[in-house]
Amino acid sequence: MAFKFQAEEARTKLLSITYQVGRTGAVTPVANLSPVQLAGTVVKRATLNNQDFIRQMDIRVGDTVTVVKGGEIIPKIIDVDLSQRPAGASRPVFPEVCPDCGTALVKEEGEAKWFCPNIDGCPTQIKGKLVHFLSRKAMNVLAGDATIEQMYNLGLVRTPADFYSLTKGQLLMLDGWKEKSAQRFLSSLEASRKVTFDHVLFALGIRYVGETTARHFGDIDAVAAATRERLLEVQDVGEVIADSVYEYFRDRKHLEDIDRLKAAGIRFSMENGAAASDALAGMTIVISGNFSVSRDEMKRLIEANGGRNSSSVSGKTSYLLAGSKPGPEKMKK
């Protein structure tokens, strides 16, 4: 039995609703709030999830709302005080076109969110994909949102392959960048050429392909040539992921960018990284506790050698790898 403290709540006024585009094209409504103190920070914004959420909660601009922090981190609205609703408050109208590029939005069957389909032309999506490509769990290059914003505005990058054509002279055009910061970026970029294929595939930002799914593929050419039926044979790949991967590799622009990344020396097969084997084929392994190597590296090695990672002990568990301070329940089970 688990006991949780009641989440701290705060009441404030909803001033306006804006709509943000994510790197996958999903359009998310955001509530702009009158600043209020909540769980140690001043909260000015809260996610509204999607159009259905706004309708279900009957949220309107001018409403007095109750805000909590989901997981004590992300502010969200849990209640609307209808008695405080101003006269004439109208329901918000969800945009029909992308707030960034103006492309007509689409909503796929079974999806709760509206999407901008202009994946290679919408500036916000392009910048989001570039940030994702360089992120720690992807190519692990030292750069953040502000750097990407500058590079994009100066016309230096539009696709991930563009990073590997950057010169020190171009980097010194960025605000605040000196010789040392430019060299650090270039060194970090050089180190990314050694990143293993599963991280490279994750870095491409294919919709629905997360870190775990990426580990199940071994070669980019095999993935690109695979039919939907072949993709469905891959462990943990269902119809949604299979369709997304298949469509991604039918786009000529994506294939051209992958060719440029190959030319830049990026690894596009597991064979280029750690030697893979089937030594752990059919085994399910649970990791618990602290080790001298990272969890991510252990999981990568397990899957590179045919094993499957699991977060909980069950009848299917082959081995429990217990480091220092392992979970007592896992040990007991």
Protein backbone atom coordinates (compact mmCIF):
# COMPACT_ATOMS: atom_id res chain seq x y z
CA MET A 1 0.00 0.00 0.00
CA ALA A 2 1.37 3.42 -0.93
CA PHE A 3 0.46 6.70 0.76
CA LYS A 4 0.89 10.03 -1.04
CA PHE A 5 0.65 13.55 0.29
CA GLN A 6 -2.23 15.60 -1.05
CA ALA A 7 -0.87 17.72 -3.90
CA GLU A 8 -0.68 21.42 -3.11
CA GLU A 9 -3.35 23.39 -4.97
CA ALA A 10 -3.59 27.02 -6.03
CA ARG A 11 -6.42 29.07 -7.52
CA THR A 12 -5.75 31.63 -10.21
CA LYS A 13 -7.25 33.20 -13.31
CA LEU A 14 -6.79 31.89 -16.86
CA LEU A 15 -5.73 34.92 -18.91
CA SER A 16 -5.40 33.40 -22.39
CA ILE A 17 -4.74 30.20 -24.34
CA THR A 18 -1.89 29.81 -26.82
CA TYR A 19 -1.05 26.86 -29.06
CA GLN A 20 2.42 25.32 -29.31
CA VAL A 21 3.83 23.04 -32.01
CA GLY A 22 6.13 20.21 -30.89
CA ARG A 23 8.91 18.50 -32.86
CA THR A 24 6.51 15.74 -33.97
CA GLY A 25 3.98 18.33 -35.18
CA ALA A 26 1.55 17.84 -32.28
CA VAL A 27 -0.28 21.06 -31.42
CA THR A 28 -0.72 21.50 -27.67
CA PRO A 29 -2.90 24.20 -26.06
CA VAL A 30 -1.25 26.03 -23.15
CA ALA A 31 -3.05 28.03 -20.46
CA ASN A 32 -1.44 31.39 -19.64
CA LEU A 33 -2.23 32.08 -16.00
CA SER A 34 -2.11 34.99 -13.64
CA PRO A 35 1.16 34.21 -11.75
CA VAL A 36 0.57 32.16 -8.60
CA GLN A 37 2.88 30.58 -6.02
CA LEU A 38 2.68 26.77 -6.11
CA ALA A 39 4.94 24.15 -4.48
CA GLY A 40 7.92 26.47 -4.22
CA THR A 41 7.76 28.13 -7.65
CA VAL A 42 5.76 30.81 -9.44
CA VAL A 43 3.46 29.18 -12.01
CA LYS A 44 2.45 31.19 -15.08
CA ARG A 45 1.54 28.43 -17.54
CA ALA A 46 -0.13 25.02 -17.50
CA THR A 47 -0.66 22.39 -20.19
CA LEU A 48 -4.19 21.82 -21.46
CA ASN A 49 -3.23 18.55 -23.19
CA ASN A 50 -5.53 18.63 -26.23
CA GLN A 51 -8.83 19.85 -27.66
CA ASP A 52 -10.86 17.08 -25.98
CA PHE A 53 -9.46 18.02 -22.55
CA ILE A 54 -10.58 21.64 -23.00
CA ARG A 55 -14.07 20.49 -23.98
CA GLN A 56 -14.41 17.98 -21.14
CA MET A 57 -13.32 20.53 -18.53
CA ASP A 58 -15.35 23.28 -20.30
CA ILE A 59 -12.40 25.64 -19.83
CA ARG A 60 -12.84 29.25 -20.99
CA VAL A 61 -10.64 32.34 -20.96
CA GLY A 62 -11.33 34.39 -17.82
CA ASP A 63 -12.20 31.34 -15.70
CA THR A 64 -10.90 30.89 -12.17
CA VAL A 65 -9.12 27.53 -12.14
CA THR A 66 -7.42 25.21 -9.66
CA VAL A 67 -3.85 24.24 -10.52
CA VAL A 68 -1.66 21.44 -9.16
CA LYS A 69 1.73 20.08 -10.17
CA GLY A 70 1.46 16.63 -11.74
CA GLY A 71 4.16 14.49 -10.16
CA GLU A 72 5.10 17.70 -8.29
CA ILE A 73 6.65 18.99 -11.54
CA ILE A 74 4.26 19.83 -14.38
CA PRO A 75 1.47 22.36 -13.66
CA LYS A 76 -1.98 21.22 -14.75
CA ILE A 77 -5.56 22.41 -14.29
CA ILE A 78 -7.83 20.07 -12.33
CA ASP A 79 -10.94 22.17 -11.73
CA VAL A 80 -12.91 25.17 -12.98
CA ASP A 81 -14.92 27.37 -10.58
CA LEU A 82 -18.07 27.94 -12.64
CA SER A 83 -19.47 30.32 -10.01
CA GLN A 84 -16.64 32.75 -10.84
CA ARG A 85 -17.05 32.55 -14.63
CA PRO A 86 -17.37 36.03 -16.19
CA ALA A 87 -20.53 36.78 -18.17
CA GLY A 88 -20.24 36.10 -21.87
CA ALA A 89 -17.12 33.90 -21.60
CA SER A 90 -17.00 31.92 -24.85
CA ARG A 91 -15.51 28.52 -25.57
CA PRO A 92 -12.00 28.73 -27.07
CA VAL A 93 -11.75 27.87 -30.76
CA PHE A 94 -9.00 25.36 -31.56
CA PRO A 95 -6.97 26.51 -34.59
CA GLU A 96 -7.58 24.86 -37.95
CA VAL A 97 -4.11 25.73 -39.25
CA CYS A 98 -0.63 25.45 -37.74
CA PRO A 99 0.08 28.54 -35.58
CA ASP A 100 3.66 28.54 -36.91
CA CYS A 101 3.55 27.75 -40.65
CA GLY A 102 -0.16 28.05 -41.51
CA THR A 103 -0.56 24.48 -42.82
CA ALA A 104 -4.01 22.91 -42.32
CA LEU A 105 -3.96 20.65 -39.24
CA VAL A 106 -4.89 16.96 -39.39
CA LYS A 107 -6.18 14.54 -36.77
CA GLU A 108 -5.57 10.85 -37.33
CA GLU A 109 -8.08 8.22 -36.28
CA GLY A 110 -7.51 7.18 -32.67
CA GLU A 111 -5.34 10.24 -31.93
CA ALA A 112 -6.31 12.85 -29.33
CA LYS A 113 -4.02 15.54 -30.73
CA TRP A 114 -4.10 17.61 -33.89
CA PHE A 115 -0.90 17.58 -35.96
CA CYS A 116 0.79 19.86 -38.45
CA PRO A 117 1.71 17.57 -41.39
CA ASN A 118 4.37 19.97 -42.73
CA ILE A 119 7.17 18.02 -41.03
CA ASP A 120 9.99 19.28 -43.25
CA GLY A 121 8.80 22.87 -43.69
CA CYS A 122 7.38 23.98 -40.32
CA PRO A 123 10.12 26.04 -38.56
CA THR A 124 9.15 24.93 -35.04
CA GLN A 125 9.19 21.26 -36.02
CA ILE A 126 12.52 21.63 -37.81
CA LYS A 127 14.15 23.29 -34.79
CA GLY A 128 12.60 20.73 -32.44
CA LYS A 129 14.03 17.85 -34.48
CA LEU A 130 17.47 19.50 -34.55
CA VAL A 131 17.43 19.91 -30.74
CA HIS A 132 16.32 16.29 -30.39
CA PHE A 133 19.09 15.08 -32.72
CA LEU A 134 21.80 16.66 -30.55
CA SER A 135 20.23 15.68 -27.19
CA ARG A 136 22.05 13.59 -24.59
CA LYS A 137 20.18 10.34 -25.27
CA ALA A 138 20.60 10.79 -29.02
CA MET A 139 23.89 12.12 -30.49
CA ASN A 140 24.97 13.75 -27.20
CA VAL A 141 26.36 16.96 -28.72
CA LEU A 142 26.94 20.04 -26.55
CA ALA A 143 24.24 22.46 -27.75
CA GLY A 144 20.84 23.64 -26.56
CA ASP A 145 17.69 25.39 -27.74
CA ALA A 146 19.26 28.87 -27.88
CA THR A 147 22.15 27.63 -30.03
CA ILE A 148 19.81 25.87 -32.46
CA GLU A 149 17.62 28.98 -32.65
CA GLN A 150 20.63 31.07 -33.66
CA MET A 151 21.92 28.50 -36.17
CA TYR A 152 18.48 28.24 -37.76
CA ASN A 153 17.96 32.02 -37.96
CA LEU A 154 21.37 32.44 -39.61
CA GLY A 155 20.49 29.74 -42.16
CA LEU A 156 23.33 27.47 -41.03
CA VAL A 157 21.26 24.34 -40.35
CA ARG A 158 18.00 22.91 -41.65
CA THR A 159 18.62 19.15 -41.34
CA PRO A 160 20.79 17.06 -38.97
CA ALA A 161 23.37 16.48 -41.72
CA ASP A 162 24.01 20.24 -41.87
CA PHE A 163 25.71 20.10 -38.45
CA TYR A 164 28.58 18.08 -39.90
CA SER A 165 29.29 20.74 -42.54
CA LEU A 166 29.65 23.60 -40.04
CA THR A 167 33.00 25.39 -39.89
CA LYS A 168 34.64 27.19 -37.00
CA GLY A 169 34.17 30.46 -38.87
CA GLN A 170 30.42 29.92 -39.09
CA LEU A 171 30.21 29.04 -35.38
CA LEU A 172 32.02 32.26 -34.47
CA MET A 173 29.08 34.13 -36.05
CA LEU A 174 26.89 33.03 -33.13
CA ASP A 175 26.29 35.55 -30.32
CA GLY A 176 28.67 35.00 -27.42
CA TRP A 177 30.68 32.28 -29.17
CA LYS A 178 34.46 32.51 -29.02
CA GLU A 179 37.26 30.22 -30.14
CA LYS A 180 36.91 27.95 -27.11
CA SER A 181 33.14 27.44 -27.34
CA ALA A 182 33.36 26.77 -31.09
CA GLN A 183 36.09 24.18 -30.56
CA ARG A 184 34.10 22.48 -27.79
CA PHE A 185 31.12 22.14 -30.12
CA LEU A 186 33.23 20.76 -32.97
CA SER A 187 34.93 18.26 -30.63
CA SER A 188 31.55 17.15 -29.32
CA LEU A 189 30.33 16.79 -32.91
CA GLU A 190 33.38 14.68 -33.76
CA ALA A 191 32.72 12.39 -30.78
CA SER A 192 29.13 11.87 -32.01
CA ARG A 193 30.49 9.93 -34.98
CA LYS A 194 31.15 7.07 -32.54
CA VAL A 195 27.57 6.95 -31.21
CA THR A 196 26.04 3.48 -31.67
CA PHE A 197 23.37 2.84 -34.28
CA ASP A 198 20.45 2.52 -31.85
CA HIS A 199 21.12 6.07 -30.60
CA VAL A 200 21.51 7.32 -34.18
CA LEU A 201 18.14 5.85 -35.18
CA PHE A 202 16.52 7.42 -32.11
CA ALA A 203 18.19 10.73 -33.01
CA LEU A 204 16.48 10.82 -36.42
CA GLY A 205 13.25 11.62 -34.56
CA ILE A 206 10.98 9.14 -36.33
CA ARG A 207 7.54 9.48 -34.76
CA TYR A 208 6.80 6.82 -32.10
CA VAL A 209 10.37 5.40 -32.25
CA GLY A 210 11.79 5.83 -28.77
CA GLU A 211 15.07 4.63 -27.26
CA THR A 212 13.83 1.09 -26.54
CA THR A 213 12.30 0.53 -29.98
CA ALA A 214 15.42 1.86 -31.71
CA ARG A 215 17.52 -0.85 -30.04
CA HIS A 216 15.61 -3.60 -31.87
CA PHE A 217 16.85 -2.51 -35.30
CA GLY A 218 20.33 -3.47 -36.49
CA ASP A 219 20.93 -1.76 -39.84
CA ILE A 220 19.52 1.37 -41.49
CA ASP A 221 19.42 -0.10 -45.01
CA ALA A 222 17.48 -3.13 -43.79
CA VAL A 223 15.01 -0.87 -41.99
CA ALA A 224 14.61 1.39 -45.03
CA ALA A 225 13.93 -1.56 -47.33
CA ALA A 226 11.58 -3.40 -44.94
CA THR A 227 7.90 -3.86 -45.72
CA ARG A 228 5.27 -3.15 -43.08
CA GLU A 229 4.91 -6.91 -42.57
CA ARG A 230 8.65 -7.30 -41.96
CA LEU A 231 8.66 -4.39 -39.51
CA LEU A 232 5.82 -6.02 -37.55
CA GLU A 233 8.05 -9.06 -36.99
CA VAL A 234 10.45 -6.92 -34.94
CA GLN A 235 10.05 -7.26 -31.17
CA ASP A 236 7.86 -4.54 -29.57
CA VAL A 237 6.88 -3.04 -32.95
CA GLY A 238 3.13 -2.73 -33.50
CA GLU A 239 1.12 -1.35 -36.39
CA VAL A 240 1.45 2.31 -35.37
CA ILE A 241 5.26 2.17 -35.16
CA ALA A 242 5.54 0.02 -38.29
CA ASP A 243 3.45 2.50 -40.31
CA SER A 244 5.47 5.46 -39.00
CA VAL A 245 8.84 3.85 -39.82
CA TYR A 246 7.66 2.67 -43.24
CA GLU A 247 6.37 6.13 -44.23
CA TYR A 248 9.51 7.86 -42.94
CA PHE A 249 11.73 5.87 -45.30
CA ARG A 250 9.45 6.47 -48.28
CA ASP A 251 10.35 10.19 -48.15
CA ARG A 252 13.18 11.06 -50.55
CA LYS A 253 14.34 14.01 -48.40
CA HIS A 254 14.88 11.72 -45.42
CA LEU A 255 16.89 9.26 -47.51
CA GLU A 256 19.05 12.07 -48.90
CA ASP A 257 19.79 13.36 -45.39
CA ILE A 258 20.70 9.83 -44.22
CA ASP A 259 23.12 9.54 -47.18
CA ARG A 260 24.75 12.80 -46.09
CA LEU A 261 25.03 11.54 -42.51
CA LYS A 262 26.62 8.34 -43.80
CA ALA A 263 29.14 10.43 -45.74
CA ALA A 264 29.89 12.33 -42.51
CA GLY A 265 30.88 9.05 -40.84
CA ILE A 266 27.80 8.44 -38.69
CA ARG A 267 27.26 4.78 -37.75
CA PHE A 268 24.25 3.21 -39.41
CA SER A 269 24.58 -0.44 -38.40
CA MET A 270 25.14 -2.32 -35.16
CA GLU A 271 28.17 -4.03 -36.71
CA ASN A 272 29.99 -0.70 -36.61
CA GLY A 273 29.62 -0.60 -32.84
CA ALA A 274 30.04 -3.30 -30.21
CA ALA A 275 30.08 -6.83 -31.62
CA ALA A 276 26.60 -8.29 -31.37
CA SER A 277 25.73 -11.94 -30.70
CA ASP A 278 22.78 -14.13 -29.77
CA ALA A 279 24.37 -15.21 -26.46
CA LEU A 280 21.37 -13.87 -24.51
CA ALA A 281 18.69 -14.84 -27.03
CA GLY A 282 15.36 -15.65 -25.36
CA MET A 283 16.48 -14.30 -21.98
CA THR A 284 14.73 -11.55 -20.01
CA ILE A 285 17.00 -9.61 -17.66
CA VAL A 286 16.16 -7.20 -14.85
CA ILE A 287 18.72 -4.65 -13.61
CA SER A 288 18.54 -3.35 -10.03
CA GLY A 289 20.94 -1.31 -7.93
CA ASN A 290 24.04 0.73 -8.75
CA PHE A 291 26.91 -0.37 -11.00
CA SER A 292 30.25 0.98 -12.20
CA VAL A 293 28.76 1.44 -15.70
CA SER A 294 25.59 3.26 -16.71
CA ARG A 295 22.19 1.58 -16.90
CA ASP A 296 21.86 2.70 -20.53
CA GLU A 297 25.13 0.97 -21.45
CA MET A 298 24.11 -2.24 -19.67
CA LYS A 299 20.74 -2.29 -21.42
CA ARG A 300 22.39 -1.64 -24.77
CA LEU A 301 24.80 -4.55 -24.28
CA ILE A 302 22.00 -6.90 -23.22
CA GLU A 303 19.93 -6.08 -26.29
CA ALA A 304 22.97 -6.07 -28.62
CA ASN A 305 23.49 -9.69 -27.60
CA GLY A 306 19.92 -10.81 -28.11
CA GLY A 307 18.48 -10.31 -24.61
CA ARG A 308 15.43 -8.38 -23.50
CA ASN A 309 15.35 -5.83 -20.65
CA SER A 310 12.52 -5.69 -18.14
CA SER A 311 11.84 -3.37 -15.21
CA SER A 312 10.15 -5.94 -12.99
CA VAL A 313 10.77 -9.51 -11.83
CA SER A 314 8.25 -12.05 -13.12
CA GLY A 315 7.98 -15.68 -14.11
CA LYS A 316 9.66 -14.75 -17.41
CA THR A 317 12.79 -13.34 -15.70
CA SER A 318 15.97 -15.25 -16.59
CA TYR A 319 18.41 -13.22 -14.48
CA LEU A 320 18.34 -10.39 -11.97
CA LEU A 321 21.53 -8.30 -12.14
CA ALA A 322 21.90 -6.94 -8.62
CA GLY A 323 24.41 -4.17 -7.98
CA SER A 324 24.95 -2.24 -4.75
CA LYS A 325 21.72 -1.26 -2.96
CA PRO A 326 19.36 -3.32 -5.16
CA GLY A 327 15.60 -3.04 -4.71
CA PRO A 328 14.64 -5.24 -1.71
CA GLU A 329 11.33 -6.35 -3.28
CA LYS A 330 13.09 -7.41 -6.47
CA MET A 331 15.64 -9.37 -4.43
CA LYS A 332 12.91 -11.02 -2.37
CA LYS A 333 10.83 -11.95 -5.42
